[in-house]
Protein backbone atom coordinates (compact mmCIF):
# COMPACT_ATOMS: atom_id res chain seq x y z
CA UNK A 1 -20.64 -51.27 -1.99
CA UNK A 2 -17.31 -50.93 -3.50
CA UNK A 3 -16.05 -52.42 0.04
CA UNK A 4 -17.93 -55.36 0.66
CA UNK A 5 -17.34 -56.68 -2.63
CA UNK A 6 -13.47 -56.81 -2.01
CA UNK A 7 -14.68 -58.69 1.31
CA UNK A 8 -17.09 -61.01 -0.44
CA UNK A 9 -14.12 -61.78 -3.03
CA UNK A 10 -11.06 -61.64 0.02
CA UNK A 11 -13.53 -64.62 1.30
CA UNK A 12 -13.83 -66.80 -1.42
CA UNK A 13 -10.27 -66.51 -2.68
CA UNK A 14 -9.65 -67.93 1.15
CA UNK A 15 -12.54 -71.04 0.48
CA UNK A 16 -10.83 -71.66 -2.65
CA UNK A 17 -7.70 -71.86 -1.79
CA UNK A 18 -8.51 -74.13 1.64
CA UNK A 19 -9.88 -76.14 -1.11
CA UNK A 20 -7.44 -76.58 -3.30
CA UNK A 21 -5.04 -77.31 -0.46
CA UNK A 22 -7.77 -79.74 1.30
CA UNK A 23 -8.33 -82.08 -2.20
CA UNK A 24 -5.00 -81.84 -3.73
CA UNK A 25 -2.14 -81.17 -1.51
CA UNK A 26 -2.53 -82.36 2.03
CA UNK A 27 -5.78 -83.92 3.16
CA UNK A 28 -5.60 -83.56 6.88
CA UNK A 29 -3.52 -80.34 6.96
CA UNK A 30 -6.39 -79.28 4.99
CA UNK A 31 -8.91 -80.05 7.38
CA UNK A 32 -7.46 -78.33 10.34
CA UNK A 33 -7.35 -75.55 8.04
CA UNK A 34 -10.91 -75.92 7.25
CA UNK A 35 -11.65 -75.98 11.04
CA UNK A 36 -9.96 -73.10 11.70
CA UNK A 37 -11.57 -70.65 8.38
CA UNK A 38 -14.81 -71.79 10.17
CA UNK A 39 -13.93 -71.18 14.13
CA UNK A 40 -11.76 -67.78 13.90
CA UNK A 41 -14.77 -66.00 12.31
CA UNK A 42 -16.66 -66.82 15.28
CA UNK A 43 -14.35 -66.31 17.62
CA UNK A 44 -13.80 -62.80 16.12
CA UNK A 45 -17.43 -62.18 16.11
CA UNK A 46 -17.87 -63.09 20.02
CA UNK A 47 -15.12 -60.53 20.62
CA UNK A 48 -16.24 -58.05 18.86
CA UNK A 49 -19.66 -58.35 20.41
CA UNK A 50 -18.06 -58.49 23.74
CA UNK A 51 -15.86 -55.67 23.54
CA UNK A 52 -18.37 -53.53 22.08
CA UNK A 53 -19.88 -53.03 26.22
CA UNK A 54 -16.98 -52.41 27.11
CA UNK A 55 -15.00 -49.17 25.05
CA UNK A 56 -15.11 -45.40 26.31
CA UNK A 57 -14.03 -42.67 24.70
CA UNK A 58 -12.83 -39.20 25.07
CA UNK A 59 -11.41 -36.11 23.35
CA UNK A 60 -10.60 -32.55 24.25
CA UNK A 61 -8.82 -29.57 21.99
CA UNK A 62 -8.20 -25.95 22.41
CA UNK A 63 -11.13 -23.88 21.84
CA UNK A 64 -9.88 -21.50 19.32
CA UNK A 65 -6.68 -22.21 16.82
CA UNK A 66 -4.90 -19.54 14.28
CA UNK A 67 -5.74 -20.01 10.67
CA UNK A 68 -2.76 -21.61 8.95
CA UNK A 69 -2.18 -23.77 11.97
CA UNK A 70 -2.55 -27.14 13.36
CA UNK A 71 -4.69 -27.88 16.29
CA UNK A 72 -3.75 -30.72 18.43
CA UNK A 73 -6.66 -33.31 19.42
CA UNK A 74 -6.37 -35.60 22.36
CA UNK A 75 -8.25 -38.90 21.92
CA UNK A 76 -8.40 -41.18 25.39
CA UNK A 77 -9.56 -44.86 24.40
CA UNK A 78 -10.29 -46.78 27.91
CA UNK A 79 -11.66 -50.11 28.21
CA UNK A 80 -13.13 -52.19 31.38
CA UNK A 81 -12.39 -55.38 32.56
CA UNK A 82 -9.00 -57.40 32.09
CA UNK A 83 -10.14 -59.02 28.80
CA UNK A 84 -8.50 -58.09 25.90
CA UNK A 85 -9.53 -56.16 23.00
CA UNK A 86 -8.50 -56.67 19.77
CA UNK A 87 -9.44 -53.99 16.83
CA UNK A 88 -11.41 -50.80 17.81
CA UNK A 89 -12.05 -48.45 15.22
CA UNK A 90 -12.21 -44.90 15.36
CA UNK A 91 -14.24 -42.16 13.16
CA UNK A 92 -13.25 -38.88 13.99
CA UNK A 93 -14.30 -35.95 11.68
CA UNK A 94 -14.00 -32.09 11.40
CA UNK A 95 -16.27 -29.51 9.70
CA UNK A 96 -15.29 -27.44 6.79
CA UNK A 97 -12.89 -24.98 8.48
CA UNK A 98 -10.49 -27.59 8.72
CA UNK A 99 -8.41 -29.76 5.78
CA UNK A 100 -10.62 -32.61 5.12
CA UNK A 101 -7.83 -35.21 5.24
CA UNK A 102 -9.43 -37.45 8.64
CA UNK A 103 -8.65 -40.53 8.22
CA UNK A 104 -10.26 -43.52 10.38
CA UNK A 105 -8.14 -44.51 13.36
CA UNK A 106 -7.24 -48.91 14.57
CA UNK A 107 -5.91 -49.92 17.93
CA UNK A 108 -5.97 -52.62 20.05
CA UNK A 109 -5.98 -52.68 23.63
CA UNK A 110 -4.56 -55.99 25.19
CA UNK A 111 -2.83 -55.24 29.20
CA UNK A 112 -3.57 -51.80 28.51
CA UNK A 113 -7.02 -50.19 30.44
CA UNK A 114 -6.43 -46.80 28.50
CA UNK A 115 -4.64 -45.87 25.26
CA UNK A 116 -4.41 -42.06 23.94
CA UNK A 117 -3.23 -40.55 20.84
CA UNK A 118 -3.00 -37.37 19.09
CA UNK A 119 -4.38 -35.85 16.03
CA UNK A 120 -3.64 -32.92 14.42
CA UNK A 121 -5.94 -30.71 11.91
CA UNK A 122 -4.96 -28.56 9.58
CA UNK A 123 -6.96 -24.92 10.30
CA UNK A 124 -7.71 -23.91 6.84
CA UNK A 125 -10.48 -21.33 6.96
CA UNK A 126 -11.48 -18.69 9.45
CA UNK A 127 -14.85 -19.06 11.49
CA UNK A 128 -16.75 -21.19 13.65
CA UNK A 129 -16.21 -25.14 12.96
CA UNK A 130 -16.54 -28.29 14.83
CA UNK A 131 -14.56 -31.46 15.90
CA UNK A 132 -16.05 -34.83 16.96
CA UNK A 133 -15.96 -38.54 16.57
CA UNK A 134 -18.77 -40.13 14.35
CA UNK A 135 -18.63 -43.40 15.53
CA UNK A 136 -16.89 -46.11 17.16
CA UNK A 137 -16.68 -49.53 16.61
CA UNK A 138 -15.58 -52.86 17.90
CA UNK A 139 -13.90 -55.10 14.96
CA UNK A 140 -12.93 -58.33 16.45
CA UNK A 141 -9.63 -59.65 15.72
CA UNK A 142 -10.33 -60.01 11.87
CA UNK A 143 -11.35 -56.76 10.87
CA UNK A 144 -13.74 -57.61 8.54
CA UNK A 145 -16.73 -57.11 10.99
CA UNK A 146 -17.53 -53.88 13.13
CA UNK A 147 -20.43 -53.24 15.19
CA UNK A 148 -20.74 -49.86 16.91
CA UNK A 149 -19.79 -49.37 20.54
CA UNK A 150 -22.79 -49.27 23.27
CA UNK A 151 -21.80 -45.96 24.55
CA UNK A 152 -22.67 -42.90 22.51
CA UNK A 153 -19.72 -41.01 20.52
CA UNK A 154 -19.26 -37.94 22.97
CA UNK A 155 -20.48 -34.46 22.20
CA UNK A 156 -18.48 -32.61 19.28
CA UNK A 157 -16.82 -29.15 20.17
CA UNK A 158 -16.92 -26.04 18.69
CA UNK A 159 -13.63 -24.53 17.72
CA UNK A 160 -13.65 -21.24 16.10
CA UNK A 161 -10.47 -20.54 13.69
CA UNK A 162 -8.94 -17.06 13.95
CA UNK A 163 -8.45 -15.37 10.36
CA UNK A 164 -6.04 -12.51 10.71
CA UNK A 165 -7.70 -9.14 11.05
CA UNK A 166 -6.91 -6.88 7.40
CA UNK A 167 -5.11 -3.41 8.46
CA UNK A 168 -7.21 -0.53 6.40
CA UNK A 169 -6.67 2.48 5.55
CA UNK A 170 -8.06 5.37 6.91
CA UNK A 171 -7.73 6.86 3.55
CA UNK A 172 -10.69 4.77 2.78
CA UNK A 173 -14.06 6.26 1.46
CA UNK A 174 -16.39 4.62 3.63
CA UNK A 175 -14.36 4.96 6.63
CA UNK A 176 -14.87 8.81 5.87
CA UNK A 177 -18.35 8.81 5.19
CA UNK A 178 -18.77 7.24 8.61
CA UNK A 179 -16.48 9.41 10.68
CA UNK A 180 -18.04 12.65 8.85
CA UNK A 181 -21.71 11.34 9.84
CA UNK A 182 -20.53 10.95 13.04
CA UNK A 183 -18.61 14.37 13.64
CA UNK A 184 -21.73 16.05 11.98
CA UNK A 185 -23.72 14.15 15.04
CA UNK A 186 -21.76 15.56 17.19
CA UNK A 187 -21.87 18.69 16.44
CA UNK A 188 -25.82 18.57 16.20
CA UNK A 189 -25.43 17.08 19.72
CA UNK A 190 -23.59 20.10 20.86
CA UNK A 191 -26.09 22.60 19.50
CA UNK A 192 -29.27 21.00 21.16
CA UNK A 193 -27.72 20.99 24.49
CA UNK A 194 -26.02 24.45 24.06
CA UNK A 195 -28.93 26.79 26.35
CA UNK A 196 -28.88 23.52 28.79
CA UNK A 197 -27.21 25.12 31.84
CA UNK A 198 -25.07 23.40 33.75
CA UNK A 199 -24.03 23.26 37.87
CA UNK A 200 -21.46 25.77 37.34
CA UNK A 201 -24.08 27.71 35.02
CA UNK A 202 -21.57 27.08 32.21
CA UNK A 203 -23.35 26.24 28.40
CA UNK A 204 -23.20 23.26 27.57
CA UNK A 205 -21.49 20.06 28.24
CA UNK A 206 -18.31 19.88 31.38
CA UNK A 207 -15.35 18.67 29.87
CA UNK A 208 -11.77 17.82 31.48
CA UNK A 209 -8.64 16.24 30.30
CA UNK A 210 -8.78 12.61 28.95
CA UNK A 211 -7.25 9.93 31.55
CA UNK A 212 -6.19 6.86 30.73
CA UNK A 213 -9.34 4.58 30.81
CA UNK A 214 -12.07 6.90 29.80
CA UNK A 215 -14.14 5.85 27.35
CA UNK A 216 -13.29 7.12 23.71
CA UNK A 217 -17.00 7.85 23.31
CA UNK A 218 -16.78 10.90 25.63
CA UNK A 219 -13.56 13.18 23.55
CA UNK A 220 -15.09 15.86 21.88
CA UNK A 221 -13.15 16.19 19.04
CA UNK A 222 -14.02 19.00 17.97
CA UNK A 223 -12.51 20.43 21.09
CA UNK A 224 -9.85 18.24 21.40
CA UNK A 225 -8.34 19.89 17.94
CA UNK A 226 -8.71 23.36 19.40
CA UNK A 227 -7.31 22.85 22.61
CA UNK A 228 -4.57 20.00 20.97
CA UNK A 229 -5.22 17.92 23.86
CA UNK A 230 -7.88 15.31 24.52
CA UNK A 231 -11.49 16.39 26.00
CA UNK A 232 -13.39 14.42 27.42
CA UNK A 233 -17.42 15.08 28.41
CA UNK A 234 -18.46 14.34 32.40
CA UNK A 235 -22.09 13.22 31.11
CA UNK A 236 -22.21 10.57 29.34
CA UNK A 237 -22.74 10.65 25.46
CA UNK A 238 -25.70 9.90 23.79
CA UNK A 239 -25.69 6.43 21.59
CA UNK A 240 -27.07 8.89 18.28
CA UNK A 241 -23.55 9.63 18.24
CA UNK A 242 -22.14 6.25 17.88
CA UNK A 243 -22.31 4.35 14.22
CA UNK A 244 -23.72 0.78 14.56
CA UNK A 245 -22.29 -1.94 13.03
CA UNK A 246 -23.95 -5.13 12.09
CA UNK A 247 -23.40 -8.70 11.16
CA UNK A 248 -25.28 -10.66 9.32
CA UNK A 249 -24.35 -14.15 8.36
CA UNK A 250 -26.34 -15.87 6.26
CA UNK A 251 -26.31 -19.29 4.99
CA UNK A 252 -28.93 -20.72 2.86
CA UNK A 253 -29.39 -24.35 3.37
CA UNK A 254 -28.15 -26.30 0.63
CA UNK A 255 -25.18 -24.03 0.09
CA UNK A 256 -21.99 -26.24 -0.25
CA UNK A 257 -20.40 -26.05 3.32
CA UNK A 258 -17.03 -25.00 1.77
CA UNK A 259 -18.20 -22.48 -0.19
CA UNK A 260 -20.47 -20.50 2.67
CA UNK A 261 -17.51 -20.45 5.30
CA UNK A 262 -15.01 -19.12 2.88
CA UNK A 263 -17.56 -16.01 2.21
CA UNK A 264 -18.22 -15.71 6.21
CA UNK A 265 -14.79 -15.71 7.12
CA UNK A 266 -14.45 -13.07 3.83
CA UNK A 267 -17.15 -10.88 6.34
CA UNK A 268 -15.70 -11.39 9.24
CA UNK A 269 -12.29 -9.74 8.30
CA UNK A 270 -14.09 -6.95 6.67
CA UNK A 271 -16.43 -5.96 9.38
CA UNK A 272 -13.33 -6.35 12.13
CA UNK A 273 -11.04 -4.79 9.78
CA UNK A 274 -13.58 -1.98 9.43
CA UNK A 275 -13.87 -1.77 13.82
CA UNK A 276 -10.25 -1.93 14.45
CA UNK A 277 -10.05 1.12 12.41
CA UNK A 278 -12.89 3.08 13.37
CA UNK A 279 -11.72 2.66 17.01
CA UNK A 280 -8.26 3.62 16.30
CA UNK A 281 -9.72 6.41 15.42
CA UNK A 282 -11.17 7.00 18.31
CA UNK A 283 -15.17 6.27 17.46
CA UNK A 284 -16.81 4.21 19.20
CA UNK A 285 -19.21 1.62 17.78
CA UNK A 286 -22.59 -0.36 18.32
CA UNK A 287 -21.81 -3.35 17.88
CA UNK A 288 -24.72 -6.14 17.29
CA UNK A 289 -24.26 -10.18 16.19
CA UNK A 290 -25.37 -13.59 17.12
CA UNK A 291 -24.25 -15.05 20.45
CA UNK A 292 -22.74 -18.57 20.93
CA UNK A 293 -26.32 -19.14 22.51
CA UNK A 294 -28.02 -17.56 19.82
CA UNK A 295 -29.38 -14.75 21.07
CA UNK A 296 -28.78 -11.21 19.04
CA UNK A 297 -26.38 -8.77 21.35
CA UNK A 298 -25.57 -5.11 21.15
CA UNK A 299 -22.12 -4.39 22.46
CA UNK A 300 -20.61 -0.64 23.01
CA UNK A 301 -16.96 -0.83 22.02
CA UNK A 302 -15.04 2.27 22.63
CA UNK A 303 -11.99 0.38 23.55
CA UNK A 304 -9.17 -0.57 20.81
CA UNK A 305 -7.90 -3.83 22.39
CA UNK A 306 -11.62 -5.39 22.46
CA UNK A 307 -11.95 -5.93 19.23
CA UNK A 308 -9.78 -9.09 19.79
CA UNK A 309 -12.34 -10.59 22.43
CA UNK A 310 -15.38 -9.60 20.57
CA UNK A 311 -13.88 -11.67 17.58
CA UNK A 312 -13.33 -14.74 19.77
CA UNK A 313 -17.31 -14.09 20.89
CA UNK A 314 -18.23 -14.14 17.13
CA UNK A 315 -16.43 -17.48 16.09
CA UNK A 316 -18.14 -19.60 19.02
CA UNK A 317 -21.16 -19.13 17.70
CA UNK A 318 -22.06 -21.73 14.90
CA UNK A 319 -23.49 -20.77 11.84
CA UNK A 320 -27.87 -22.12 11.76
CA UNK A 321 -28.95 -21.84 7.82
CA UNK A 322 -31.35 -19.63 6.62
CA UNK A 323 -31.41 -17.94 9.84
CA UNK A 324 -30.60 -13.62 9.43
CA UNK A 325 -30.11 -11.39 11.97
CA UNK A 326 -33.14 -9.61 14.12
CA UNK A 327 -32.70 -6.00 14.89
CA UNK A 328 -36.27 -5.27 16.04
CA UNK A 329 -34.50 -3.70 19.35
CA UNK A 330 -32.22 -1.24 17.16
CA UNK A 331 -33.08 2.66 18.34
CA UNK A 332 -34.05 4.90 15.33
CA UNK A 333 -31.37 7.66 16.84
CA UNK A 334 -28.32 6.56 15.03
CA UNK A 335 -25.78 8.76 13.01
CA UNK A 336 -24.88 5.82 10.71
CA UNK A 337 -25.65 2.06 10.01
CA UNK A 338 -23.47 -0.45 8.72
CA UNK A 339 -24.60 -3.70 7.74
CA UNK A 340 -22.27 -6.56 6.92
CA UNK A 341 -24.04 -9.48 5.18
CA UNK A 342 -23.18 -12.44 3.12
CA UNK A 343 -26.27 -12.49 1.21
CA UNK A 344 -28.15 -9.17 0.47
CA UNK A 345 -30.84 -11.00 -1.93
CA UNK A 346 -34.49 -12.01 -1.60
CA UNK A 347 -34.95 -12.55 2.18
CA UNK A 348 -32.64 -9.03 3.38
CA UNK A 349 -35.30 -6.38 3.33
CA UNK A 350 -36.40 -8.21 6.26
CA UNK A 351 -33.03 -6.66 8.19
CA UNK A 352 -32.75 -3.11 6.76
CA UNK A 353 -36.82 -2.53 7.57
CA UNK A 354 -35.53 -2.42 10.96
CA UNK A 355 -33.51 0.49 11.10
CA UNK A 356 -36.22 2.80 9.57
CA UNK A 357 -34.71 5.37 7.75
CA UNK A 358 -32.07 5.19 4.98
CA UNK A 359 -30.24 8.04 5.87
CA UNK A 360 -26.72 7.16 6.49
CA UNK A 361 -26.84 3.56 5.60
CA UNK A 362 -25.06 1.34 3.77
CA UNK A 363 -24.44 -2.34 3.19
CA UNK A 364 -21.05 -4.13 3.16
CA UNK A 365 -20.92 -7.01 0.71
CA UNK A 366 -18.52 -9.99 -0.44
CA UNK A 367 -17.95 -8.69 -3.66
CA UNK A 368 -18.99 -6.40 -6.77
CA UNK A 369 -20.76 -9.13 -7.51
CA UNK A 370 -22.63 -9.53 -4.71
CA UNK A 371 -26.49 -9.28 -4.73
CA UNK A 372 -28.16 -6.29 -3.92
CA UNK A 373 -31.97 -6.14 -3.63
CA UNK A 374 -32.26 -2.95 -2.15
CA UNK A 375 -31.50 0.63 -2.93
CA UNK A 376 -28.89 0.98 -0.58
CA UNK A 377 -25.09 1.40 -1.25
CA UNK A 378 -23.03 -2.05 -1.25
CA UNK A 379 -19.63 -1.74 -0.16
CA UNK A 380 -16.48 -4.40 -0.48
CA UNK A 381 -12.90 -4.78 0.55
CA UNK A 382 -10.74 -5.31 -2.26
CA UNK A 383 -7.57 -7.69 -2.39
CA UNK A 384 -5.80 -4.19 -1.57
CA UNK A 385 -7.81 -3.97 1.79
CA UNK A 386 -9.90 -0.52 0.71
CA UNK A 387 -13.83 -0.55 0.39
CA UNK A 388 -14.89 0.17 -2.72
CA UNK A 389 -17.95 1.41 -3.59
CA UNK A 390 -19.74 -1.23 -6.14
């Protein structure tokens, strides 16, 4: 509204100056100025209408950027025909994971058929973001009128901002409780199979020494500690001895976007810090998350290098408001289940209900003040990168 008022004041000021010049200074020159003032807007209007059909715009950028660095976006503006284009206004935008200091760009194209420029965005918050062009306008040569170009703006691009994963200590109480549950399940599994006879008539599993590339989930830690060397089972370890980590990035509709992405960043850091620690300690996990296509995916993570790739998959997924993770396909025979959520308030019981028994099930929240509508224990990662029980 203020912009339109300024334009009206500017036009009124020009009209007043032409009036003064014509009737009080130089009548002949005033008539010429008056003709120009009337003709120029018409010419500018014609150029703006003509140009809106002859402008094409595209842009490209990387799919990922480290938090704290800059994302370079290359914008390409092309024109068809040889007629010069006056002012073209480009209105870029980026979501809240980037610093909101984005300004519109205006340029002209005379002899050029293509103009290229770069804009840099500061990646401030870890998570999934979006970069795009909101609108492109043809403004004539005077610049005070604008019309949207005929071709629609290019489709926005999803960009993942990679946050630093915290280094969580093995002395964390949450890690110790998960490790105890895993080792207990391994012992129970060994006892259940002790009466089975293998092909060489020896009871239990067949073992051999660990070879580079063997899945960590097959390591028998109890036997390895006795023999003082890593031993792996030749048969497939069951999923019951693998803890399950669930990532529920839930965003309430109407929530302030900047607050939402900061909460999601904190939860992602907490989850991947714990996941990396478990793998470093030789504990394979099942990880459940929502992919970029919207599907709920369960992946077995048994390689310490894999969480980095898994993090990129999580950051590629756009968070849809009011949508929780689904656990309908989760097996009940698991040694431990850790559900990380941005909101354990009303509606969260739909997620925990799919787990079945509450035994060895816990929640990772955002802070000590996080709402917990269940009877499950709630943990959070403090500023010293230690998990605390609320």
